[in-house]
Amino acid sequence: GLYVTLDDGSSWRRFDNNLPRVGVRALAIHPRDHALVVGTHGRGIYLLDDLRLLRQIDAGMLEEDLHFFATGPTYLTLSRGGTPFGGAGQFAGENPRDAARIAYYLRKRHTFGKMAIEVYDESGQLIRELPAGKSAGINVVELSTRLPMPKAAPTMNRTALFGSILPPTLPEGRYTVKVVKGKAEFSTAFDLQFDPKAAERYPADDRKLAHRTQMRLYDMTNQLGYIYYSLEEMHQQAAENREGLSKKLTASMDAFEKETRQYKESLVSLEGDFYVHEGSNLREEISNLFLGISQYPGRPSEGQLTKTDLLEEQLGAVQAKFEAYRTQMEQLNERLAKEGRGPMKVRTLEEYLEQ
């Protein structure tokens, strides 16, 4: 088996977290990843991913109610794709997780009352609330370094679909972590940094510009998705509520249903078979541009920056048109109320993003 000591060898305890009772023939520590490689007799190789947490444990720490472990900076890396064709005998380890680790020790299991983790950016804004690990002993909670996937409008354009699957990362900087445990609060911080291997090649100002541009396109994707599905709610409700109305109001509802449905369809490309003859409308243009910028960590080209401005202008026109339809819906609601019908409704942007 594997044994660990917390008092410089005076006493030893067996480490049995998923490691069976087998003979251990060799131990090695990876110099870069701080992983313990355990060579067993007849059961293959076991990996303990990161020894840095265990090495920080001492007798004094074990008496604290809650103690944060130092985890070092989390690095943002540029994703790389590939299709290996190795045989069944070729071993490949997992890629590093795209997450920041929040690690702490709890002296006793938390049973009653609220316990949660809050993460704040450098401006003090709450960006994420996470469920806390409540077990006695070591708890590790992961914070994704990427924003939630955008809630985009549908598309049959493959490239545009890929451009709306991978969201931007959190910006580089220092983040504050608070563990709220009942009435008590415990705080620590961690740094989110760019891959040091590439930091010199891509200056910080260029990376910040790229991130700001990605965020503009990310927000545009969410806004256009909201408009698309709100228009869908409008024309569906108009079609469902037309029966039994006066002729004049029925005609107005039919016209509203047709206009909102046709305008909704003009915002996206749903023709083709997801293989050939793929079209491109505003939704696809936004996602295709995001994909191009997100695959390169340096400064976007002048053409990409100019096109981002142009797409924002186009989205502004779409938003103005949508507001006109919203006003028209409210006017129709007044007429529906006079005939004893309930109003048509659409969600707010906040409700859309939460669902």
Protein backbone atom coordinates (compact mmCIF):
# COMPACT_ATOMS: atom_id res chain seq x y z
CA GLY A 1 0.00 0.00 0.00
CA LEU A 2 0.84 3.69 0.10
CA TYR A 3 1.47 5.46 3.41
CA VAL A 4 1.75 9.17 4.23
CA THR A 5 3.10 11.05 7.23
CA LEU A 6 2.05 14.43 8.59
CA ASP A 7 4.77 14.67 11.28
CA ASP A 8 8.03 14.12 9.41
CA GLY A 9 7.93 10.35 9.77
CA SER A 10 7.00 9.97 13.44
CA SER A 11 3.76 8.25 12.42
CA TRP A 12 2.33 6.93 9.17
CA ARG A 13 -1.19 6.46 7.85
CA ARG A 14 -2.35 4.34 4.97
CA PHE A 15 -3.61 6.23 1.91
CA ASP A 16 -6.58 4.24 0.59
CA ASN A 17 -8.46 6.64 -1.67
CA ASN A 18 -9.16 4.31 -4.64
CA LEU A 19 -5.80 2.56 -4.15
CA PRO A 20 -6.24 -1.17 -3.42
CA ARG A 21 -4.16 -3.15 -0.94
CA VAL A 22 -1.42 -4.19 -3.35
CA GLY A 23 2.33 -4.13 -3.25
CA VAL A 24 3.93 -0.84 -4.32
CA ARG A 25 7.21 -1.29 -6.14
CA ALA A 26 8.09 2.25 -7.24
CA LEU A 27 7.24 5.90 -6.52
CA ALA A 28 8.07 8.92 -8.67
CA ILE A 29 7.05 12.59 -8.49
CA HIS A 30 6.49 14.41 -11.77
CA PRO A 31 8.59 17.61 -11.66
CA ARG A 32 6.12 19.73 -13.65
CA ASP A 33 2.70 18.50 -12.55
CA HIS A 34 3.56 17.57 -8.92
CA ALA A 35 1.81 14.23 -9.52
CA LEU A 36 2.77 11.11 -7.59
CA VAL A 37 3.18 8.09 -9.87
CA VAL A 38 2.62 4.82 -8.01
CA GLY A 39 3.88 1.62 -9.60
CA THR A 40 2.09 -1.42 -8.17
CA HIS A 41 2.66 -5.16 -8.43
CA GLY A 42 0.11 -6.56 -10.87
CA ARG A 43 -2.38 -3.65 -10.80
CA GLY A 44 -0.67 -1.17 -13.10
CA ILE A 45 0.10 2.50 -12.44
CA TYR A 46 -1.88 4.87 -10.22
CA LEU A 47 -1.63 8.65 -10.32
CA LEU A 48 -2.21 11.04 -7.43
CA ASP A 49 -2.74 14.19 -9.45
CA ASP A 50 -1.28 16.91 -7.22
CA LEU A 51 0.77 16.44 -4.06
CA ARG A 52 0.87 20.14 -3.21
CA LEU A 53 -2.30 19.94 -1.12
CA LEU A 54 -1.08 17.01 0.98
CA ARG A 55 2.31 18.65 1.51
CA GLN A 56 0.64 21.68 3.13
CA ILE A 57 -1.06 19.63 5.84
CA ASP A 58 0.36 19.91 9.35
CA ALA A 59 -0.91 19.35 12.87
CA GLY A 60 -1.82 23.01 13.43
CA MET A 61 -3.87 23.22 10.26
CA LEU A 62 -5.93 20.21 11.33
CA GLU A 63 -7.24 22.20 14.32
CA GLU A 64 -8.67 25.03 12.18
CA ASP A 65 -12.39 25.08 11.36
CA LEU A 66 -11.62 25.87 7.71
CA HIS A 67 -8.23 26.24 6.05
CA PHE A 68 -7.57 27.21 2.43
CA PHE A 69 -4.80 25.47 0.52
CA ALA A 70 -2.51 27.44 -1.77
CA THR A 71 -3.12 26.16 -5.30
CA GLY A 72 -0.99 28.52 -7.37
CA PRO A 73 -2.17 30.41 -10.46
CA THR A 74 -4.56 28.94 -12.99
CA TYR A 75 -3.39 29.31 -16.58
CA LEU A 76 -5.56 30.09 -19.58
CA THR A 77 -4.44 28.04 -22.55
CA LEU A 78 -5.42 28.07 -26.21
CA SER A 79 -7.41 24.95 -27.03
CA ARG A 80 -5.93 22.66 -29.65
CA GLY A 81 -7.81 19.95 -31.51
CA GLY A 82 -6.59 16.70 -33.02
CA THR A 83 -7.61 13.21 -34.06
CA PRO A 84 -5.04 10.63 -32.94
CA PHE A 85 -5.14 7.15 -34.46
CA GLY A 86 -3.22 5.18 -31.85
CA GLY A 87 -3.88 1.52 -31.20
CA ALA A 88 -5.54 0.00 -28.17
CA GLY A 89 -2.19 -0.35 -26.43
CA GLN A 90 -1.31 3.35 -26.62
CA PHE A 91 -1.89 5.16 -23.33
CA ALA A 92 -3.03 8.77 -23.35
CA GLY A 93 -3.69 10.71 -20.18
CA GLU A 94 -6.48 13.22 -19.73
CA ASN A 95 -5.91 16.83 -20.71
CA PRO A 96 -5.61 19.33 -17.84
CA ARG A 97 -9.03 20.48 -16.67
CA ASP A 98 -10.17 23.89 -17.84
CA ALA A 99 -10.95 25.07 -14.32
CA ALA A 100 -9.55 26.91 -11.32
CA ARG A 101 -9.36 24.84 -8.14
CA ILE A 102 -10.64 26.10 -4.79
CA ALA A 103 -9.27 23.74 -2.16
CA TYR A 104 -9.88 23.84 1.58
CA TYR A 105 -9.83 21.64 4.67
CA LEU A 106 -12.89 21.30 6.92
CA ARG A 107 -12.31 20.05 10.47
CA LYS A 108 -15.94 18.91 10.79
CA ARG A 109 -18.61 18.10 8.25
CA HIS A 110 -21.01 21.01 7.67
CA THR A 111 -24.53 19.78 8.40
CA PHE A 112 -26.88 22.66 9.18
CA GLY A 113 -27.30 26.10 7.61
CA LYS A 114 -26.14 27.64 4.38
CA MET A 115 -22.72 26.89 2.94
CA ALA A 116 -21.76 28.24 -0.47
CA ILE A 117 -18.80 29.65 -2.38
CA GLU A 118 -18.88 33.15 -3.88
CA VAL A 119 -16.35 34.32 -6.46
CA TYR A 120 -15.70 38.02 -7.10
CA ASP A 121 -13.68 39.72 -9.83
CA GLU A 122 -11.19 42.55 -9.34
CA SER A 123 -13.96 45.17 -9.32
CA GLY A 124 -15.75 43.38 -6.48
CA GLN A 125 -18.59 42.11 -8.67
CA LEU A 126 -20.02 38.70 -7.86
CA ILE A 127 -19.46 36.55 -10.96
CA ARG A 128 -20.29 33.05 -9.75
CA GLU A 129 -21.88 31.23 -6.83
CA LEU A 130 -20.88 27.59 -6.44
CA PRO A 131 -22.06 24.74 -4.21
CA ALA A 132 -19.50 24.14 -1.49
CA GLY A 133 -17.94 20.84 -0.52
CA LYS A 134 -19.19 20.07 2.99
CA SER A 135 -17.29 16.91 3.90
CA ALA A 136 -14.81 16.70 6.74
CA GLY A 137 -11.28 16.69 5.36
CA ILE A 138 -10.06 18.01 2.00
CA ASN A 139 -12.63 19.55 -0.34
CA VAL A 140 -11.84 20.66 -3.89
CA VAL A 141 -14.36 22.76 -5.84
CA GLU A 142 -13.71 23.63 -9.47
CA LEU A 143 -14.57 26.97 -11.05
CA SER A 144 -14.85 26.85 -14.83
CA THR A 145 -12.64 29.49 -16.41
CA ARG A 146 -15.17 29.90 -19.21
CA LEU A 147 -18.44 31.77 -19.20
CA PRO A 148 -21.71 29.87 -19.68
CA MET A 149 -22.42 28.75 -23.23
CA PRO A 150 -24.27 31.52 -25.09
CA LYS A 151 -28.00 31.05 -25.64
CA ALA A 152 -27.87 31.41 -29.39
CA ALA A 153 -30.57 31.30 -32.05
CA PRO A 154 -30.68 28.04 -34.08
CA THR A 155 -28.63 27.52 -37.23
CA MET A 156 -27.91 24.90 -39.87
CA ASN A 157 -24.47 26.37 -40.55
CA ARG A 158 -21.80 24.08 -39.06
CA THR A 159 -19.11 26.73 -38.69
CA ALA A 160 -21.51 29.10 -36.97
CA LEU A 161 -22.62 26.30 -34.65
CA PHE A 162 -19.01 25.67 -33.61
CA GLY A 163 -18.61 29.41 -33.07
CA SER A 164 -21.39 29.43 -30.47
CA ILE A 165 -20.37 26.29 -28.57
CA LEU A 166 -17.13 27.51 -26.94
CA PRO A 167 -17.71 30.68 -24.86
CA PRO A 168 -15.03 33.23 -23.88
CA THR A 169 -12.86 32.70 -20.83
CA LEU A 170 -12.98 34.81 -17.72
CA PRO A 171 -10.58 37.76 -18.04
CA GLU A 172 -7.09 37.51 -16.61
CA GLY A 173 -6.73 38.90 -13.12
CA ARG A 174 -7.04 38.21 -9.41
CA TYR A 175 -10.27 36.74 -8.07
CA THR A 176 -11.53 36.74 -4.49
CA VAL A 177 -13.18 33.64 -3.06
CA LYS A 178 -15.53 33.67 -0.07
CA VAL A 179 -16.81 30.54 1.63
CA VAL A 180 -20.02 31.44 3.46
CA LYS A 181 -20.55 28.90 6.24
CA GLY A 182 -23.56 29.84 8.29
CA LYS A 183 -22.80 33.28 9.72
CA ALA A 184 -19.04 32.90 9.23
CA GLU A 185 -17.08 33.92 6.13
CA PHE A 186 -13.64 32.71 5.04
CA SER A 187 -11.74 34.40 2.21
CA THR A 188 -8.87 33.61 -0.13
CA ALA A 189 -7.82 34.58 -3.66
CA PHE A 190 -6.42 33.03 -6.80
CA ASP A 191 -4.85 34.38 -9.99
CA LEU A 192 -6.00 33.68 -13.51
CA GLN A 193 -3.05 34.10 -15.86
CA PHE A 194 -2.27 33.56 -19.52
CA ASP A 195 -0.15 30.57 -20.50
CA PRO A 196 3.41 31.71 -19.59
CA LYS A 197 4.81 29.86 -22.60
CA ALA A 198 2.93 32.20 -24.93
CA ALA A 199 2.67 35.39 -22.86
CA GLU A 200 5.71 37.06 -24.45
CA ARG A 201 4.54 36.28 -27.97
CA TYR A 202 1.09 37.78 -27.41
CA PRO A 203 1.31 41.12 -25.51
CA ALA A 204 -1.17 41.78 -22.72
CA ASP A 205 -2.81 44.74 -24.48
CA ASP A 206 -3.48 42.61 -27.57
CA ARG A 207 -4.93 39.82 -25.43
CA LYS A 208 -7.21 42.26 -23.63
CA LEU A 209 -8.45 43.69 -26.94
CA ALA A 210 -9.14 40.17 -28.22
CA HIS A 211 -11.07 39.33 -25.05
CA ARG A 212 -13.13 42.55 -25.19
CA THR A 213 -14.00 41.83 -28.82
CA GLN A 214 -15.00 38.26 -27.99
CA MET A 215 -17.22 39.56 -25.19
CA ARG A 216 -18.95 41.97 -27.58
CA LEU A 217 -19.73 39.12 -29.95
CA TYR A 218 -20.74 36.84 -27.06
CA ASP A 219 -23.24 39.44 -25.81
CA MET A 220 -24.52 39.94 -29.36
CA THR A 221 -25.11 36.19 -29.66
CA ASN A 222 -27.20 36.19 -26.48
CA GLN A 223 -29.13 39.30 -27.51
CA LEU A 224 -29.94 37.96 -30.97
CA GLY A 225 -30.99 34.61 -29.48
CA TYR A 226 -33.34 36.47 -27.14
CA ILE A 227 -34.86 38.44 -30.00
CA TYR A 228 -35.28 35.32 -32.15
CA TYR A 229 -37.11 33.33 -29.49
CA SER A 230 -39.15 36.35 -28.36
CA LEU A 231 -40.37 36.81 -31.94
CA GLU A 232 -41.22 33.12 -31.95
CA GLU A 233 -43.29 33.57 -28.78
CA MET A 234 -45.05 36.53 -30.39
CA HIS A 235 -46.12 34.81 -33.60
CA GLN A 236 -47.06 31.57 -31.82
CA GLN A 237 -49.31 33.40 -29.36
CA ALA A 238 -50.82 35.45 -32.16
CA ALA A 239 -51.70 32.26 -34.06
CA GLU A 240 -53.10 30.55 -30.96
CA ASN A 241 -55.31 33.48 -29.89
CA ARG A 242 -56.89 34.48 -33.21
CA GLU A 243 -59.95 32.24 -32.99
CA GLY A 244 -63.21 33.82 -31.87
CA LEU A 245 -62.06 37.42 -32.26
CA SER A 246 -63.74 40.17 -34.24
CA LYS A 247 -62.89 40.24 -37.94
CA LYS A 248 -60.88 43.43 -37.58
CA LEU A 249 -58.79 42.14 -34.68
CA THR A 250 -58.36 38.74 -36.37
CA ALA A 251 -56.92 40.46 -39.43
CA SER A 252 -54.54 42.47 -37.23
CA MET A 253 -53.44 39.33 -35.38
CA ASP A 254 -52.87 37.48 -38.66
CA ALA A 255 -50.77 40.33 -40.02
CA PHE A 256 -48.75 40.50 -36.77
CA GLU A 257 -48.21 36.72 -36.82
CA LYS A 258 -46.98 36.78 -40.40
CA GLU A 259 -44.65 39.77 -39.95
CA THR A 260 -42.98 38.52 -36.76
CA ARG A 261 -42.56 34.99 -38.16
CA GLN A 262 -41.00 36.19 -41.42
CA TYR A 263 -38.71 38.65 -39.65
CA LYS A 264 -37.59 35.96 -37.20
CA GLU A 265 -36.74 33.63 -40.08
CA SER A 266 -34.67 36.35 -41.78
CA LEU A 267 -32.24 36.50 -38.84
CA VAL A 268 -30.89 32.94 -39.16
CA SER A 269 -29.99 30.37 -41.79
CA LEU A 270 -31.99 27.16 -41.47
CA GLU A 271 -31.82 25.99 -45.06
CA GLY A 272 -29.52 23.25 -46.28
CA ASP A 273 -28.80 19.82 -44.86
CA PHE A 274 -26.06 20.75 -42.36
CA TYR A 275 -23.50 19.63 -44.92
CA VAL A 276 -23.80 21.59 -48.17
CA HIS A 277 -25.59 24.76 -49.29
CA GLU A 278 -25.18 26.38 -45.88
CA GLY A 279 -26.47 29.93 -45.79
CA SER A 280 -25.43 32.86 -43.63
CA ASN A 281 -27.47 35.59 -41.99
CA LEU A 282 -26.78 37.84 -39.00
CA ARG A 283 -26.69 34.96 -36.50
CA GLU A 284 -24.10 33.08 -38.58
CA GLU A 285 -21.98 36.16 -39.25
CA ILE A 286 -21.66 36.88 -35.52
CA SER A 287 -20.69 33.31 -34.62
CA ASN A 288 -18.29 32.87 -37.53
CA LEU A 289 -16.46 36.05 -36.55
CA PHE A 290 -16.32 34.96 -32.91
CA LEU A 291 -14.84 31.61 -33.94
CA GLY A 292 -12.11 33.29 -35.96
CA ILE A 293 -11.11 35.66 -33.16
CA SER A 294 -11.31 33.08 -30.36
CA GLN A 295 -8.84 30.73 -32.08
CA TYR A 296 -6.04 33.29 -31.95
CA PRO A 297 -5.00 34.87 -28.62
CA GLY A 298 -3.31 37.92 -30.16
CA ARG A 299 -4.68 41.15 -31.56
CA PRO A 300 -7.67 40.77 -33.91
CA SER A 301 -7.13 42.04 -37.44
CA GLU A 302 -8.42 45.45 -38.47
CA GLY A 303 -10.92 43.67 -40.70
CA GLN A 304 -12.25 41.68 -37.75
CA LEU A 305 -12.55 44.79 -35.59
CA THR A 306 -14.32 46.70 -38.36
CA LYS A 307 -16.72 43.82 -38.95
CA THR A 308 -17.50 43.66 -35.23
CA ASP A 309 -18.54 47.32 -35.37
CA LEU A 310 -20.66 46.64 -38.46
CA LEU A 311 -22.41 43.67 -36.86
CA GLU A 312 -23.18 45.76 -33.77
CA GLU A 313 -24.83 48.35 -36.01
CA GLN A 314 -26.87 45.65 -37.73
CA LEU A 315 -27.93 44.19 -34.39
CA GLY A 316 -28.92 47.68 -33.25
CA ALA A 317 -31.30 47.90 -36.21
CA VAL A 318 -32.71 44.47 -35.34
CA GLN A 319 -33.25 45.56 -31.74
CA ALA A 320 -35.08 48.68 -32.91
CA LYS A 321 -37.32 46.55 -35.13
CA PHE A 322 -37.96 44.17 -32.24
CA GLU A 323 -38.97 47.04 -29.95
CA ALA A 324 -41.41 48.19 -32.62
CA TYR A 325 -42.96 44.71 -32.63
CA ARG A 326 -43.09 44.79 -28.82
CA THR A 327 -44.99 48.08 -28.98
CA GLN A 328 -47.33 46.60 -31.59
CA MET A 329 -47.90 43.61 -29.29
CA GLU A 330 -48.87 45.91 -26.41
CA GLN A 331 -51.33 47.72 -28.67
CA LEU A 332 -52.86 44.40 -29.68
CA ASN A 333 -53.05 43.42 -26.01
CA GLU A 334 -55.23 46.46 -25.33
CA ARG A 335 -57.61 45.36 -28.07
CA LEU A 336 -57.55 41.77 -26.80
CA ALA A 337 -58.50 42.96 -23.32
CA LYS A 338 -61.56 44.75 -24.71
CA GLU A 339 -62.70 41.41 -26.18
CA GLY A 340 -62.08 39.55 -22.94
CA ARG A 341 -58.81 37.86 -23.90
CA GLY A 342 -55.56 37.61 -21.98
CA PRO A 343 -52.42 39.41 -23.17
CA MET A 344 -49.54 38.09 -25.25
CA LYS A 345 -46.29 38.01 -23.26
CA VAL A 346 -42.57 37.60 -23.88
CA ARG A 347 -39.80 36.94 -21.39
CA THR A 348 -37.28 39.55 -20.34
CA LEU A 349 -33.67 39.14 -21.42
CA GLU A 350 -32.72 38.20 -17.85
CA GLU A 351 -35.40 35.49 -17.72
CA TYR A 352 -34.26 34.16 -21.10
CA LEU A 353 -30.63 33.88 -19.99
CA GLU A 354 -31.55 32.17 -16.71
CA GLN A 355 -33.68 29.46 -18.33
